[in-house]
Protein backbone atom coordinates (compact mmCIF):
# COMPACT_ATOMS: atom_id res chain seq x y z
CA MET A 1 5.26 -5.20 -1.52
CA ILE A 2 2.13 -5.65 -3.10
CA CYS A 3 1.77 -4.76 -6.65
CA ASP A 4 -0.72 -6.02 -9.13
CA ALA A 5 -0.95 -7.27 -12.90
CA GLY A 6 -1.57 -4.10 -14.61
CA SER A 7 -2.32 -4.52 -18.18
CA VAL A 8 -1.79 -8.45 -18.45
CA PRO A 9 -4.61 -9.74 -20.46
CA GLU A 10 -5.29 -13.01 -18.31
CA TYR A 11 -5.86 -10.47 -15.28
CA GLN A 12 -7.63 -7.97 -17.32
CA ALA A 13 -10.13 -10.93 -18.17
CA ILE A 14 -10.69 -11.97 -14.51
CA ARG A 15 -11.55 -8.41 -13.66
CA ARG A 16 -13.98 -7.89 -16.39
CA GLN A 17 -15.76 -11.28 -15.34
CA TRP A 18 -16.31 -10.13 -11.91
CA GLY A 19 -16.59 -6.62 -12.10
CA GLY A 20 -17.56 -5.52 -16.02
CA ASP A 21 -16.05 -3.61 -18.35
CA GLY A 22 -15.61 -0.68 -16.20
CA ALA A 23 -13.28 -2.71 -13.97
CA VAL A 24 -10.91 -2.77 -16.47
CA GLY A 25 -8.34 0.04 -17.20
CA THR A 26 -8.57 1.95 -14.05
CA SER A 27 -5.82 3.49 -12.18
CA ARG A 28 -6.28 0.41 -9.92
CA ASP A 29 -4.96 -2.00 -12.34
CA ARG A 30 -3.04 -0.26 -14.69
CA GLU A 31 0.64 -0.80 -15.15
CA ASN A 32 3.14 2.00 -15.74
CA ASP A 33 6.27 0.42 -14.49
CA GLU A 34 5.94 1.92 -10.85
CA LEU A 35 7.41 -1.50 -9.25
CA ARG A 36 10.61 -1.26 -11.32
CA HIS A 37 11.17 2.22 -10.33
CA SER A 38 10.12 1.34 -6.42
CA LEU A 39 12.68 -1.17 -6.34
CA ARG A 40 15.19 0.61 -8.01
CA SER A 41 14.80 3.52 -5.11
CA TYR A 42 14.99 0.81 -2.68
CA ALA A 43 18.42 -0.57 -3.89
CA LYS A 44 19.68 3.01 -4.05
CA HIS A 45 18.39 4.35 -0.76
CA MET A 46 18.19 1.21 1.44
CA SER A 47 21.59 -0.55 0.88
CA TRP A 48 21.97 -1.53 4.32
CA HIS A 49 18.83 -3.98 4.22
CA ARG A 50 19.72 -7.53 3.19
CA GLY A 51 16.58 -9.11 3.62
CA PRO A 52 13.93 -10.78 1.43
CA ILE A 53 11.86 -8.97 -0.61
CA ILE A 54 8.43 -10.64 -1.16
CA LEU A 55 6.12 -9.50 -3.87
CA VAL A 56 2.55 -10.41 -3.41
CA THR A 57 0.66 -10.13 -7.02
CA PRO A 58 -2.36 -12.00 -8.72
CA LEU A 59 -1.82 -15.46 -9.76
CA GLY A 60 1.78 -15.24 -8.90
CA MET A 61 2.45 -12.95 -11.66
CA ALA A 62 5.71 -11.49 -11.96
CA PRO A 63 6.99 -8.47 -14.49
CA THR A 64 9.52 -10.16 -17.26
CA TRP A 65 12.25 -7.64 -16.15
CA LEU A 66 11.98 -9.03 -12.83
CA ASN A 67 14.97 -11.24 -11.85
CA THR A 68 12.86 -13.93 -9.97
CA SER A 69 16.13 -16.48 -9.73
CA HIS A 70 17.50 -13.23 -7.36
CA PRO A 71 18.01 -14.94 -3.88
CA ARG A 72 16.30 -12.38 -2.19
CA VAL A 73 13.18 -12.10 -4.17
CA ARG A 74 9.91 -14.08 -3.72
CA VAL A 75 6.71 -13.83 -5.61
CA VAL A 76 3.68 -14.97 -3.48
CA ALA A 77 0.49 -15.61 -5.08
CA GLN A 78 -2.40 -13.54 -3.23
CA GLU A 79 -4.90 -16.18 -3.50
CA THR A 80 -2.68 -18.52 -1.24
CA LEU A 81 -2.78 -15.71 1.54
CA PHE A 82 -6.89 -16.04 1.81
CA PRO A 83 -8.32 -18.75 4.51
CA VAL A 84 -12.13 -18.38 2.70
CA GLU A 85 -11.38 -19.80 -0.84
CA GLU A 86 -14.79 -18.15 -1.65
CA ASP A 87 -12.98 -14.84 -1.49
CA ASN A 88 -11.01 -15.18 -4.31
CA PRO A 89 -10.34 -13.60 -6.64
CA THR A 90 -9.97 -10.29 -4.97
CA PHE A 91 -9.32 -6.67 -6.64
CA ASN A 92 -9.74 -4.87 -3.18
CA SER A 93 -6.17 -4.07 -1.24
CA ASN A 94 -8.27 -3.79 1.65
CA ALA A 95 -9.12 -7.60 1.60
CA LEU A 96 -5.79 -8.63 1.08
CA GLU A 97 -3.60 -6.72 3.16
CA GLN A 98 -5.43 -8.15 6.18
CA HIS A 99 -3.80 -11.37 5.25
CA LEU A 100 -0.06 -10.32 5.04
CA TRP A 101 0.91 -11.88 8.24
CA ARG A 102 -0.03 -15.42 6.75
CA ILE A 103 2.89 -15.21 4.20
CA PRO A 104 5.15 -18.11 5.21
CA GLY A 105 8.25 -17.15 6.47
CA LEU A 106 7.50 -13.52 7.09
CA THR A 107 9.69 -11.90 10.02
CA ASP A 108 8.06 -10.42 13.17
CA LEU A 109 8.69 -6.99 12.08
CA PHE A 110 8.05 -6.15 8.27
CA VAL A 111 7.76 -2.89 6.09
CA HIS A 112 4.70 -2.95 3.68
CA MET A 113 5.21 -1.02 0.52
CA ASN A 114 2.40 -0.29 -2.42
CA ASP A 115 4.34 -0.22 -5.50
CA ASP A 116 3.76 3.27 -6.16
CA TYR A 117 5.61 3.89 -3.11
CA PHE A 118 9.36 5.42 -3.53
CA PHE A 119 12.44 6.63 -1.58
CA GLY A 120 13.60 10.16 -2.53
CA LYS A 121 16.66 9.79 -0.20
CA ASP A 122 18.43 7.16 2.08
CA VAL A 123 16.32 5.61 4.50
CA GLN A 124 17.93 4.29 7.79
CA PRO A 125 16.51 1.42 10.18
CA TRP A 126 15.83 4.47 12.82
CA HIS A 127 13.44 5.67 10.30
CA PHE A 128 10.82 2.53 10.40
CA PHE A 129 11.88 1.44 14.14
CA THR A 130 12.58 3.04 17.55
CA LYS A 131 15.76 1.98 19.12
CA GLU A 132 14.12 -0.23 21.65
CA GLY A 133 12.92 -2.35 18.52
CA GLY A 134 9.19 -1.20 18.32
CA MET A 135 7.59 0.16 15.16
CA ARG A 136 7.41 3.84 13.96
CA PHE A 137 4.21 5.09 12.43
CA PHE A 138 3.52 7.79 9.98
CA PHE A 139 0.07 9.74 10.26
CA GLU A 140 -0.96 12.98 8.88
CA ASN A 141 -1.96 15.99 10.88
CA ASN A 142 -5.39 15.86 9.61
CA VAL A 143 -7.85 14.61 12.42
CA ILE A 144 -10.50 11.82 11.24
CA HIS A 145 -13.84 13.39 12.37
CA GLY A 146 -16.13 10.59 10.97
CA SER A 147 -17.62 7.35 12.23
CA ALA A 148 -20.46 4.79 11.41
CA LYS A 149 -23.17 7.59 10.64
CA GLU A 150 -21.02 9.36 8.20
CA ALA A 151 -19.81 5.96 6.46
CA GLN A 152 -23.99 4.79 6.22
CA GLN A 153 -24.36 8.21 4.25
CA PHE A 154 -21.75 8.02 2.22
CA PHE A 155 -23.18 4.20 1.30
CA LYS A 156 -26.49 5.59 0.97
CA ASN A 157 -25.36 8.14 -1.79
CA LYS A 158 -22.67 6.02 -3.39
CA GLN A 159 -19.85 8.83 -2.50
CA ARG A 160 -16.50 8.88 -1.28
CA ILE A 161 -15.65 5.21 -0.88
CA TRP A 162 -12.40 5.72 0.68
CA LEU A 163 -13.20 8.27 3.10
CA SER A 164 -16.38 5.81 4.09
CA SER A 165 -14.11 2.96 5.00
CA VAL A 166 -11.89 5.10 7.32
CA TYR A 167 -14.85 6.27 9.13
CA THR A 168 -16.33 2.46 9.14
CA THR A 169 -12.56 1.56 10.68
CA ASN A 170 -12.59 4.68 12.98
CA ALA A 171 -16.33 2.96 14.25
CA LEU A 172 -14.55 0.27 15.73
CA PHE A 173 -11.85 2.13 17.71
CA GLU A 174 -14.66 4.27 19.05
CA ARG A 175 -16.72 0.92 19.94
CA ASP A 176 -13.91 -0.47 21.83
CA PHE A 177 -11.34 2.28 22.92
CA GLY A 178 -13.73 4.87 23.21
CA HIS A 179 -13.88 8.49 21.88
CA ALA A 180 -10.14 9.92 21.00
CA LYS A 181 -8.02 12.20 18.51
CA ARG A 182 -7.27 9.96 16.04
CA PHE A 183 -5.49 10.86 12.74
CA PHE A 184 -5.54 9.71 8.91
CA LEU A 185 -2.53 7.87 7.79
CA LYS A 186 0.29 9.03 5.50
CA HIS A 187 0.88 7.66 2.21
CA ALA A 188 4.37 6.26 3.57
CA PRO A 189 5.89 2.53 4.12
CA PHE A 190 3.73 1.12 6.78
CA VAL A 191 5.42 -0.85 9.71
CA TYR A 192 3.79 -3.96 10.81
CA LYS A 193 4.38 -6.45 13.57
CA ARG A 194 3.41 -9.80 12.19
CA GLU A 195 1.76 -10.99 15.86
CA SER A 196 0.11 -7.72 16.48
CA LEU A 197 -1.48 -7.76 12.69
CA ARG A 198 -2.99 -11.35 12.98
CA ARG A 199 -4.26 -10.13 16.81
CA ALA A 200 -6.09 -7.20 15.15
CA GLN A 201 -8.01 -9.51 12.45
CA GLU A 202 -9.11 -11.91 15.40
CA LYS A 203 -10.35 -9.02 17.50
CA TRP A 204 -12.66 -7.64 14.52
CA ALA A 205 -13.26 -10.98 12.92
CA GLU A 206 -16.50 -10.12 11.46
CA ASP A 207 -15.32 -7.18 9.97
CA PHE A 208 -11.94 -8.14 8.55
CA ALA A 209 -14.25 -11.37 7.24
CA ALA A 210 -16.71 -9.02 5.74
CA THR A 211 -14.00 -7.10 3.93
CA SER A 212 -12.24 -9.98 3.14
CA GLY A 213 -15.08 -11.01 1.07
CA HIS A 214 -15.65 -7.66 -0.89
CA LYS A 215 -14.05 -8.02 -4.60
CA PHE A 216 -13.84 -4.43 -5.11
CA ARG A 217 -13.09 -1.81 -2.68
CA HIS A 218 -16.32 -1.16 -0.49
CA TRP A 219 -18.08 1.69 1.90
CA PHE A 220 -17.68 -0.46 4.69
CA ASP A 221 -14.36 -1.65 4.11
CA VAL A 222 -11.54 -1.99 7.23
CA ILE A 223 -8.14 -0.41 6.59
CA THR A 224 -6.05 -2.82 7.68
CA PRO A 225 -2.67 -0.30 8.57
CA LEU A 226 -4.91 2.09 10.05
CA ALA A 227 -6.78 -0.84 12.14
CA HIS A 228 -3.18 -2.25 13.05
CA HIS A 229 -1.48 0.97 14.47
CA TYR A 230 -4.44 1.90 16.25
CA TYR A 231 -4.75 -1.60 17.48
CA VAL A 232 -1.25 -1.29 18.86
CA ALA A 233 -1.50 1.88 20.45
CA HIS A 234 -4.73 1.14 22.42
CA GLU A 235 -4.27 -2.51 23.24
CA GLY A 236 -1.07 -4.27 21.95
CA SER A 237 1.15 -1.76 24.04
CA VAL A 238 -1.04 -2.94 26.94
CA CYS A 239 -1.59 -6.62 26.70
CA CYS A 240 0.88 -7.81 24.67
CA GLY A 241 4.11 -5.34 25.19
CA ASP A 242 4.14 -4.09 21.47
CA ARG A 243 6.33 -1.25 21.26
CA TYR A 244 5.82 2.10 18.89
CA GLU A 245 5.86 5.75 18.42
CA PHE A 246 4.35 8.08 15.89
CA ALA A 247 6.67 9.77 13.88
CA SER A 248 6.44 14.01 14.43
CA LYS A 249 4.51 16.32 12.85
CA ALA A 250 7.76 18.15 11.45
CA GLU A 251 9.36 14.85 10.21
CA MET A 252 5.99 13.94 8.27
CA ASP A 253 5.36 17.25 6.84
CA HIS A 254 9.18 17.63 5.50
CA GLU A 255 9.74 13.78 4.63
CA THR A 256 6.63 12.66 2.64
CA GLY A 257 5.41 13.58 -0.65
CA PHE A 258 2.15 12.59 -2.08
CA PHE A 259 0.88 13.30 -5.31
CA ILE A 260 -2.28 12.32 -7.40
CA LEU A 261 -1.50 12.59 -10.94
CA SER A 262 -4.78 13.53 -13.33
CA ASP A 263 -5.68 14.56 -16.64
CA ASP A 264 -5.25 18.02 -16.12
CA THR A 265 -1.50 17.53 -17.12
CA ARG A 266 0.40 21.14 -17.00
CA PRO A 267 -0.11 21.99 -13.28
CA ASP A 268 0.70 18.36 -12.53
CA GLN A 269 3.91 17.91 -14.41
CA ALA A 270 5.01 21.15 -12.58
CA GLU A 271 4.12 19.81 -9.34
CA LEU A 272 6.28 16.58 -9.92
CA GLY A 273 9.01 18.63 -11.01
CA ARG A 274 8.62 20.08 -7.47
CA LEU A 275 8.35 17.14 -5.98
CA ALA A 276 11.68 15.76 -7.41
CA ASP A 277 13.62 18.91 -6.29
CA LYS A 278 12.46 18.29 -2.61
CA HIS A 279 13.41 14.64 -2.55
CA PRO A 280 11.39 13.65 0.28
CA ARG A 281 12.64 10.48 2.28
CA PHE A 282 8.89 8.86 0.98
CA ILE A 283 7.05 9.36 -2.08
CA THR A 284 3.91 8.19 -3.44
CA VAL A 285 2.54 8.97 -6.89
CA ASN A 286 -0.83 7.78 -7.19
CA ASP A 287 -2.53 8.17 -10.69
CA ASN A 288 -6.16 8.97 -11.40
CA PHE A 289 -5.44 9.58 -15.20
CA ASN A 290 -6.76 8.11 -18.32
CA ARG A 291 -4.70 10.08 -21.05
CA LYS A 292 -1.66 7.99 -22.16
CA SER A 293 -0.06 11.29 -22.45
CA VAL A 294 -0.44 11.61 -18.46
CA GLY A 295 1.08 8.32 -18.17
CA GLU A 296 4.06 9.42 -19.98
CA ILE A 297 4.71 12.24 -17.57
CA VAL A 298 4.53 9.79 -14.52
CA ARG A 299 7.48 7.55 -16.32
CA ASP A 300 9.51 10.48 -17.26
CA PHE A 301 9.43 11.57 -13.46
CA THR A 302 10.52 7.93 -12.41
CA ASP A 303 12.98 7.57 -15.02
CA LYS A 304 14.82 10.72 -14.20
CA MET A 305 14.68 9.89 -10.45
CA PHE A 306 15.77 6.34 -10.55
CA PRO A 307 17.41 5.71 -14.09
CA ILE A 308 19.98 2.94 -12.54
CA PRO A 309 18.66 -0.21 -13.11
CA SER A 310 18.82 -2.48 -9.99
CA GLU A 311 20.43 -5.78 -9.22
CA PHE A 312 16.44 -7.38 -9.41
CA GLU A 313 16.55 -6.67 -12.98
CA LEU A 314 17.09 -9.21 -15.83
CA GLN A 315 17.38 -6.17 -18.42
CA PRO A 316 16.71 -2.48 -18.81
CA GLU A 317 14.09 -3.35 -21.27
CA GLY A 318 10.66 -5.59 -21.32
CA ALA A 319 8.82 -3.20 -18.55
CA GLY A 320 5.05 -3.65 -18.53
CA GLN A 321 4.54 -7.13 -19.42
CA ALA A 322 4.11 -10.14 -17.03
CA ARG A 323 4.83 -13.69 -16.89
CA GLN A 324 2.58 -16.18 -14.89
C-alpha cells in the first residue's frame, strides 16, 4: 500500500524545497485519515488474508496511531527502492510505483492499493486471482484514443497531465505491440506479478528511467499499472506463462465506485451518501478540494462506513500525525 506523509511539517518542507510553495497543501500531500479507514475496510472485508501489509511511505514515516509492532505490518521507506540515488526525493507516484517489485521479501503475486482505496463489502481471493492462479485486471469500458501525438500537444499547452501520461504509456504499446483497442484503468486495486513488473521495467527501461527522475508528475510519465497489465497481456502471457484475465464489464460497472470530491460540497455530499448506500466492492474517494469543510465531509463518510478500529491501530485517537 502506498501512502504519503500528509501534513507532516518535515515532509512539507521537503516538498517546498523541490517544488515551491505551490507544491505544499495540495490534494496530493494532504492527510485526511484515509489510510486508517482503508485498513479498517481491509480488516473488515478481507479477513481471510493473513499475509504481510507493507506500507511504502516517504522517509519511512508512519502515523502515530499505527501499530508498527504488529507482526504483519512493515513500513518501507520509499527512498530505499530507487536504484538511482539522484531520483530521490520524489513526490511522484508514477516514479515510485515502477520500483515496488524491489521491496525485499515481497511475494511473487501482490495487490497494490493507494491509501484512498477502500473495500465496501467482502472481497474473496477470486476477485483478485483466477482459479489457475493468474491475475485479474480491472479496466474501464472507455477506450484509450490517444498516443504520442496527443501527449505532445498536452505538454505544449501544459494541460491534462494525467491523460497525457496515459497517452504516453499507450504510445509504448502501439510502438511495440501494434494498434489495438485498449482501455483506461479502473480505480481499483492493482494485481501484479513481481517478475512481470520487473520485466516491463526492463523492456521500457529508458521511458521508466525518465519517469523515475521526475520529482513531480509529468506529461511523459509511464503509468506503471497500465504498463504492467498490457505487458502481461501482450508479451508476458506469450513468453513467460503469465496468466491473467480482464474482469467483466458487468462486474466493473456494479462493483466499483469512484468519486472526486471538490469544493462544491452539496452535490458531492449527496453523491457520497448514494455511494455508501450501494456498498460497491471497491471504493475510491479521490479529493480535489481546498476547503476544510469538504475534508470534514470525507472524514464523516469514512467514519460512518468504517467505524470499528482495526487490529493495526494503537488507539482510536491521534490520526493525522506521523512519526519518523
